[in-house]
Amino acid sequence: MAAVETTRPAPLGAITTYRAINSLSNAVAVFSAWNDARVTRKALSKLSDRELDDIGLCRGDLEFIGR
């Protein structure tokens, strides 16, 4: 009876390439989340105090939006 090895090691540099791409992907996701929060804070800062009160926020809450 013959035994067949079905597992093979990853090619040279494959793990390093995967980690580099994964790190870049994470950096893009973090930047995108930061930018979304920035745009939201900017839009909310343009609202009047009365409009902010209508949606249940005050000026002091804007700093914590998106964190």
PDB file of N, CA and C in Angstrom:
ATOM      1  N   MET A   1       0.844  -1.165   0.000  1.00  0.00           N
ATOM      2  CA  MET A   1       0.000   0.000   0.000  1.00  0.00           C
ATOM      3  C   MET A   1       0.892   1.231   0.000  1.00  0.00           C
ATOM      4  N   ALA A   2       0.580   2.173  -0.863  1.00  0.00           N
ATOM      5  CA  ALA A   2       1.398   3.368  -0.993  1.00  0.00           C
ATOM      6  C   ALA A   2       0.799   4.508  -0.189  1.00  0.00           C
ATOM      7  N   ALA A   3       1.661   5.310   0.386  1.00  0.00           N
ATOM      8  CA  ALA A   3       1.224   6.495   1.130  1.00  0.00           C
ATOM      9  C   ALA A   3       1.518   7.721   0.280  1.00  0.00           C
ATOM     10  N   VAL A   4       0.538   8.603   0.199  1.00  0.00           N
ATOM     11  CA  VAL A   4       0.708   9.807  -0.605  1.00  0.00           C
ATOM     12  C   VAL A   4       0.664  11.014   0.319  1.00  0.00           C
ATOM     13  N   GLU A   5       1.664  11.845   0.217  1.00  0.00           N
ATOM     14  CA  GLU A   5       1.714  13.077   1.015  1.00  0.00           C
ATOM     15  C   GLU A   5       0.867  14.131   0.308  1.00  0.00           C
ATOM     16  N   THR A   6      -0.187  14.615   0.986  1.00  0.00           N
ATOM     17  CA  THR A   6      -1.088  15.581   0.339  1.00  0.00           C
ATOM     18  C   THR A   6      -0.840  17.012   0.784  1.00  0.00           C
ATOM     19  N   THR A   7      -0.013  17.213   1.787  1.00  0.00           N
ATOM     20  CA  THR A   7       0.276  18.574   2.234  1.00  0.00           C
ATOM     21  C   THR A   7       1.633  19.001   1.696  1.00  0.00           C
ATOM     22  N   ARG A   8       1.685  20.244   1.263  1.00  0.00           N
ATOM     23  CA  ARG A   8       2.935  20.781   0.754  1.00  0.00           C
ATOM     24  C   ARG A   8       3.204  22.105   1.465  1.00  0.00           C
ATOM     25  N   PRO A   9       4.460  22.434   1.681  1.00  0.00           N
ATOM     26  CA  PRO A   9       4.759  23.730   2.295  1.00  0.00           C
ATOM     27  C   PRO A   9       4.427  24.869   1.328  1.00  0.00           C
ATOM     28  N   ALA A  10       4.148  26.028   1.889  1.00  0.00           N
ATOM     29  CA  ALA A  10       3.868  27.206   1.060  1.00  0.00           C
ATOM     30  C   ALA A  10       5.127  27.596   0.290  1.00  0.00           C
ATOM     31  N   PRO A  11       4.943  28.131  -0.918  1.00  0.00           N
ATOM     32  CA  PRO A  11       6.113  28.564  -1.694  1.00  0.00           C
ATOM     33  C   PRO A  11       6.889  29.657  -0.954  1.00  0.00           C
ATOM     34  N   LEU A  12       8.137  29.774  -1.271  1.00  0.00           N
ATOM     35  CA  LEU A  12       9.004  30.750  -0.630  1.00  0.00           C
ATOM     36  C   LEU A  12       8.445  32.164  -0.801  1.00  0.00           C
ATOM     37  N   GLY A  13       8.239  32.856   0.296  1.00  0.00           N
ATOM     38  CA  GLY A  13       7.762  34.231   0.260  1.00  0.00           C
ATOM     39  C   GLY A  13       6.251  34.376   0.272  1.00  0.00           C
ATOM     40  N   ALA A  14       5.503  33.284   0.207  1.00  0.00           N
ATOM     41  CA  ALA A  14       4.048  33.371   0.154  1.00  0.00           C
ATOM     42  C   ALA A  14       3.481  33.936   1.460  1.00  0.00           C
ATOM     43  N   ILE A  15       4.021  33.517   2.569  1.00  0.00           N
ATOM     44  CA  ILE A  15       3.518  33.986   3.861  1.00  0.00           C
ATOM     45  C   ILE A  15       3.844  35.473   4.044  1.00  0.00           C
ATOM     46  N   THR A  16       5.033  35.867   3.663  1.00  0.00           N
ATOM     47  CA  THR A  16       5.429  37.276   3.758  1.00  0.00           C
ATOM     48  C   THR A  16       4.553  38.136   2.852  1.00  0.00           C
ATOM     49  N   THR A  17       4.285  37.661   1.653  1.00  0.00           N
ATOM     50  CA  THR A  17       3.419  38.397   0.728  1.00  0.00           C
ATOM     51  C   THR A  17       2.016  38.513   1.295  1.00  0.00           C
ATOM     52  N   TYR A  18       1.496  37.432   1.850  1.00  0.00           N
ATOM     53  CA  TYR A  18       0.167  37.444   2.461  1.00  0.00           C
ATOM     54  C   TYR A  18       0.107  38.459   3.603  1.00  0.00           C
ATOM     55  N   ARG A  19       1.098  38.460   4.453  1.00  0.00           N
ATOM     56  CA  ARG A  19       1.112  39.391   5.584  1.00  0.00           C
ATOM     57  C   ARG A  19       1.200  40.840   5.113  1.00  0.00           C
ATOM     58  N   ALA A  20       1.978  41.105   4.073  1.00  0.00           N
ATOM     59  CA  ALA A  20       2.102  42.463   3.538  1.00  0.00           C
ATOM     60  C   ALA A  20       0.778  42.932   2.945  1.00  0.00           C
ATOM     61  N   ILE A  21       0.115  42.082   2.184  1.00  0.00           N
ATOM     62  CA  ILE A  21      -1.176  42.433   1.595  1.00  0.00           C
ATOM     63  C   ILE A  21      -2.226  42.609   2.679  1.00  0.00           C
ATOM     64  N   ASN A  22      -2.206  41.762   3.685  1.00  0.00           N
ATOM     65  CA  ASN A  22      -3.151  41.861   4.795  1.00  0.00           C
ATOM     66  C   ASN A  22      -2.931  43.156   5.576  1.00  0.00           C
ATOM     67  N   SER A  23      -1.697  43.546   5.799  1.00  0.00           N
ATOM     68  CA  SER A  23      -1.395  44.795   6.492  1.00  0.00           C
ATOM     69  C   SER A  23      -1.859  45.996   5.692  1.00  0.00           C
ATOM     70  N   LEU A  24      -1.636  45.969   4.389  1.00  0.00           N
ATOM     71  CA  LEU A  24      -2.091  47.047   3.521  1.00  0.00           C
ATOM     72  C   LEU A  24      -3.612  47.131   3.521  1.00  0.00           C
ATOM     73  N   SER A  25      -4.266  46.005   3.472  1.00  0.00           N
ATOM     74  CA  SER A  25      -5.725  45.963   3.507  1.00  0.00           C
ATOM     75  C   SER A  25      -6.258  46.533   4.816  1.00  0.00           C
ATOM     76  N   ASN A  26      -5.625  46.197   5.918  1.00  0.00           N
ATOM     77  CA  ASN A  26      -6.033  46.737   7.223  1.00  0.00           C
ATOM     78  C   ASN A  26      -5.822  48.244   7.280  1.00  0.00           C
ATOM     79  N   ALA A  27      -4.718  48.724   6.730  1.00  0.00           N
ATOM     80  CA  ALA A  27      -4.442  50.164   6.728  1.00  0.00           C
ATOM     81  C   ALA A  27      -5.493  50.911   5.908  1.00  0.00           C
ATOM     82  N   VAL A  28      -5.893  50.357   4.783  1.00  0.00           N
ATOM     83  CA  VAL A  28      -6.927  50.977   3.955  1.00  0.00           C
ATOM     84  C   VAL A  28      -8.249  51.005   4.702  1.00  0.00           C
ATOM     85  N   ALA A  29      -8.583  49.941   5.408  1.00  0.00           N
ATOM     86  CA  ALA A  29      -9.833  49.888   6.165  1.00  0.00           C
ATOM     87  C   ALA A  29      -9.835  50.918   7.301  1.00  0.00           C
ATOM     88  N   VAL A  30      -8.722  51.076   7.985  1.00  0.00           N
ATOM     89  CA  VAL A  30      -8.618  52.057   9.071  1.00  0.00           C
ATOM     90  C   VAL A  30      -8.742  53.470   8.511  1.00  0.00           C
ATOM     91  N   PHE A  31      -8.077  53.748   7.398  1.00  0.00           N
ATOM     92  CA  PHE A  31      -8.172  55.065   6.782  1.00  0.00           C
ATOM     93  C   PHE A  31      -9.595  55.358   6.330  1.00  0.00           C
ATOM     94  N   SER A  32     -10.254  54.370   5.759  1.00  0.00           N
ATOM     95  CA  SER A  32     -11.626  54.550   5.291  1.00  0.00           C
ATOM     96  C   SER A  32     -12.566  54.850   6.459  1.00  0.00           C
ATOM     97  N   ALA A  33     -12.407  54.142   7.577  1.00  0.00           N
ATOM     98  CA  ALA A  33     -13.241  54.387   8.757  1.00  0.00           C
ATOM     99  C   ALA A  33     -12.976  55.783   9.319  1.00  0.00           C
ATOM    100  N   TRP A  34     -11.708  56.195   9.357  1.00  0.00           N
ATOM    101  CA  TRP A  34     -11.367  57.530   9.845  1.00  0.00           C
ATOM    102  C   TRP A  34     -11.990  58.601   8.958  1.00  0.00           C
ATOM    103  N   ASN A  35     -11.924  58.409   7.645  1.00  0.00           N
ATOM    104  CA  ASN A  35     -12.468  59.389   6.719  1.00  0.00           C
ATOM    105  C   ASN A  35     -13.990  59.470   6.836  1.00  0.00           C
ATOM    106  N   ASP A  36     -14.657  58.333   6.989  1.00  0.00           N
ATOM    107  CA  ASP A  36     -16.113  58.337   7.171  1.00  0.00           C
ATOM    108  C   ASP A  36     -16.507  59.114   8.426  1.00  0.00           C
ATOM    109  N   ALA A  37     -15.784  58.896   9.519  1.00  0.00           N
ATOM    110  CA  ALA A  37     -16.066  59.614  10.764  1.00  0.00           C
ATOM    111  C   ALA A  37     -15.801  61.108  10.598  1.00  0.00           C
ATOM    112  N   ARG A  38     -14.750  61.460   9.869  1.00  0.00           N
ATOM    113  CA  ARG A  38     -14.428  62.869   9.629  1.00  0.00           C
ATOM    114  C   ARG A  38     -15.530  63.545   8.834  1.00  0.00           C
ATOM    115  N   VAL A  39     -16.015  62.896   7.798  1.00  0.00           N
ATOM    116  CA  VAL A  39     -17.079  63.463   6.969  1.00  0.00           C
ATOM    117  C   VAL A  39     -18.357  63.624   7.797  1.00  0.00           C
ATOM    118  N   THR A  40     -18.660  62.645   8.627  1.00  0.00           N
ATOM    119  CA  THR A  40     -19.854  62.718   9.481  1.00  0.00           C
ATOM    120  C   THR A  40     -19.748  63.875  10.459  1.00  0.00           C
ATOM    121  N   ARG A  41     -18.579  64.003  11.128  1.00  0.00           N
ATOM    122  CA  ARG A  41     -18.403  65.113  12.076  1.00  0.00           C
ATOM    123  C   ARG A  41     -18.503  66.458  11.369  1.00  0.00           C
ATOM    124  N   LYS A  42     -17.951  66.561  10.169  1.00  0.00           N
ATOM    125  CA  LYS A  42     -17.998  67.816   9.422  1.00  0.00           C
ATOM    126  C   LYS A  42     -19.437  68.176   9.065  1.00  0.00           C
ATOM    127  N   ALA A  43     -20.215  67.197   8.627  1.00  0.00           N
ATOM    128  CA  ALA A  43     -21.613  67.456   8.272  1.00  0.00           C
ATOM    129  C   ALA A  43     -22.425  67.847   9.505  1.00  0.00           C
ATOM    130  N   LEU A  44     -22.181  67.167  10.618  1.00  0.00           N
ATOM    131  CA  LEU A  44     -22.919  67.490  11.850  1.00  0.00           C
ATOM    132  C   LEU A  44     -22.520  68.855  12.405  1.00  0.00           C
ATOM    133  N   SER A  45     -21.272  69.244  12.206  1.00  0.00           N
ATOM    134  CA  SER A  45     -20.836  70.541  12.737  1.00  0.00           C
ATOM    135  C   SER A  45     -21.490  71.702  11.995  1.00  0.00           C
ATOM    136  N   LYS A  46     -21.973  71.459  10.785  1.00  0.00           N
ATOM    137  CA  LYS A  46     -22.653  72.503  10.021  1.00  0.00           C
ATOM    138  C   LYS A  46     -24.096  72.721  10.484  1.00  0.00           C
ATOM    139  N   LEU A  47     -24.633  71.791  11.283  1.00  0.00           N
ATOM    140  CA  LEU A  47     -26.003  71.928  11.762  1.00  0.00           C
ATOM    141  C   LEU A  47     -26.079  72.952  12.892  1.00  0.00           C
ATOM    142  N   SER A  48     -27.232  73.567  13.018  1.00  0.00           N
ATOM    143  CA  SER A  48     -27.443  74.515  14.109  1.00  0.00           C
ATOM    144  C   SER A  48     -27.685  73.735  15.410  1.00  0.00           C
ATOM    145  N   ASP A  49     -27.615  74.456  16.530  1.00  0.00           N
ATOM    146  CA  ASP A  49     -27.864  73.816  17.822  1.00  0.00           C
ATOM    147  C   ASP A  49     -29.280  73.238  17.885  1.00  0.00           C
ATOM    148  N   ARG A  50     -30.212  73.924  17.289  1.00  0.00           N
ATOM    149  CA  ARG A  50     -31.611  73.449  17.278  1.00  0.00           C
ATOM    150  C   ARG A  50     -31.731  72.148  16.479  1.00  0.00           C
ATOM    151  N   GLU A  51     -31.063  72.086  15.330  1.00  0.00           N
ATOM    152  CA  GLU A  51     -31.110  70.872  14.510  1.00  0.00           C
ATOM    153  C   GLU A  51     -30.419  69.705  15.218  1.00  0.00           C
ATOM    154  N   LEU A  52     -29.327  69.993  15.891  1.00  0.00           N
ATOM    155  CA  LEU A  52     -28.658  68.937  16.654  1.00  0.00           C
ATOM    156  C   LEU A  52     -29.546  68.441  17.784  1.00  0.00           C
ATOM    157  N   ASP A  53     -30.251  69.361  18.432  1.00  0.00           N
ATOM    158  CA  ASP A  53     -31.158  68.979  19.510  1.00  0.00           C
ATOM    159  C   ASP A  53     -32.287  68.096  18.982  1.00  0.00           C
ATOM    160  N   ASP A  54     -32.732  68.367  17.759  1.00  0.00           N
ATOM    161  CA  ASP A  54     -33.792  67.557  17.160  1.00  0.00           C
ATOM    162  C   ASP A  54     -33.374  66.096  16.983  1.00  0.00           C
ATOM    163  N   ILE A  55     -32.104  65.863  16.738  1.00  0.00           N
ATOM    164  CA  ILE A  55     -31.645  64.476  16.569  1.00  0.00           C
ATOM    165  C   ILE A  55     -31.005  63.927  17.845  1.00  0.00           C
ATOM    166  N   GLY A  56     -31.116  64.668  18.930  1.00  0.00           N
ATOM    167  CA  GLY A  56     -30.655  64.167  20.224  1.00  0.00           C
ATOM    168  C   GLY A  56     -29.179  64.329  20.493  1.00  0.00           C
ATOM    169  N   LEU A  57     -28.549  65.316  19.862  1.00  0.00           N
ATOM    170  CA  LEU A  57     -27.120  65.558  20.079  1.00  0.00           C
ATOM    171  C   LEU A  57     -26.901  66.987  20.542  1.00  0.00           C
ATOM    172  N   CYS A  58     -25.725  67.230  21.104  1.00  0.00           N
ATOM    173  CA  CYS A  58     -25.314  68.589  21.421  1.00  0.00           C
ATOM    174  C   CYS A  58     -23.908  68.781  20.839  1.00  0.00           C
ATOM    175  N   ARG A  59     -23.432  70.018  20.829  1.00  0.00           N
ATOM    176  CA  ARG A  59     -22.114  70.301  20.235  1.00  0.00           C
ATOM    177  C   ARG A  59     -21.005  69.454  20.855  1.00  0.00           C
ATOM    178  N   GLY A  60     -21.092  69.222  22.148  1.00  0.00           N
ATOM    179  CA  GLY A  60     -20.054  68.439  22.824  1.00  0.00           C
ATOM    180  C   GLY A  60     -19.996  66.986  22.383  1.00  0.00           C
ATOM    181  N   ASP A  61     -21.098  66.468  21.856  1.00  0.00           N
ATOM    182  CA  ASP A  61     -21.133  65.069  21.402  1.00  0.00           C
ATOM    183  C   ASP A  61     -20.394  64.869  20.092  1.00  0.00           C
ATOM    184  N   LEU A  62     -20.205  65.928  19.323  1.00  0.00           N
ATOM    185  CA  LEU A  62     -19.626  65.778  17.988  1.00  0.00           C
ATOM    186  C   LEU A  62     -18.193  65.262  18.031  1.00  0.00           C
ATOM    187  N   GLU A  63     -17.468  65.601  19.084  1.00  0.00           N
ATOM    188  CA  GLU A  63     -16.085  65.146  19.200  1.00  0.00           C
ATOM    189  C   GLU A  63     -16.003  63.621  19.303  1.00  0.00           C
ATOM    190  N   PHE A  64     -17.031  63.014  19.908  1.00  0.00           N
ATOM    191  CA  PHE A  64     -17.003  61.567  20.156  1.00  0.00           C
ATOM    192  C   PHE A  64     -17.678  60.756  19.054  1.00  0.00           C
ATOM    193  N   ILE A  65     -18.273  61.454  18.071  1.00  0.00           N
ATOM    194  CA  ILE A  65     -18.928  60.744  16.967  1.00  0.00           C
ATOM    195  C   ILE A  65     -17.860  60.064  16.124  1.00  0.00           C
ATOM    196  N   GLY A  66     -18.065  58.799  15.853  1.00  0.00           N
ATOM    197  CA  GLY A  66     -17.150  58.067  14.987  1.00  0.00           C
ATOM    198  C   GLY A  66     -15.956  57.453  15.681  1.00  0.00           C
ATOM    199  N   ARG A  67     -15.888  57.548  16.976  1.00  0.00           N
ATOM    200  CA  ARG A  67     -14.750  56.914  17.664  1.00  0.00           C
ATOM    201  C   ARG A  67     -15.104  55.503  18.044  1.00  0.00           C
TER     202      ARG A  67
END
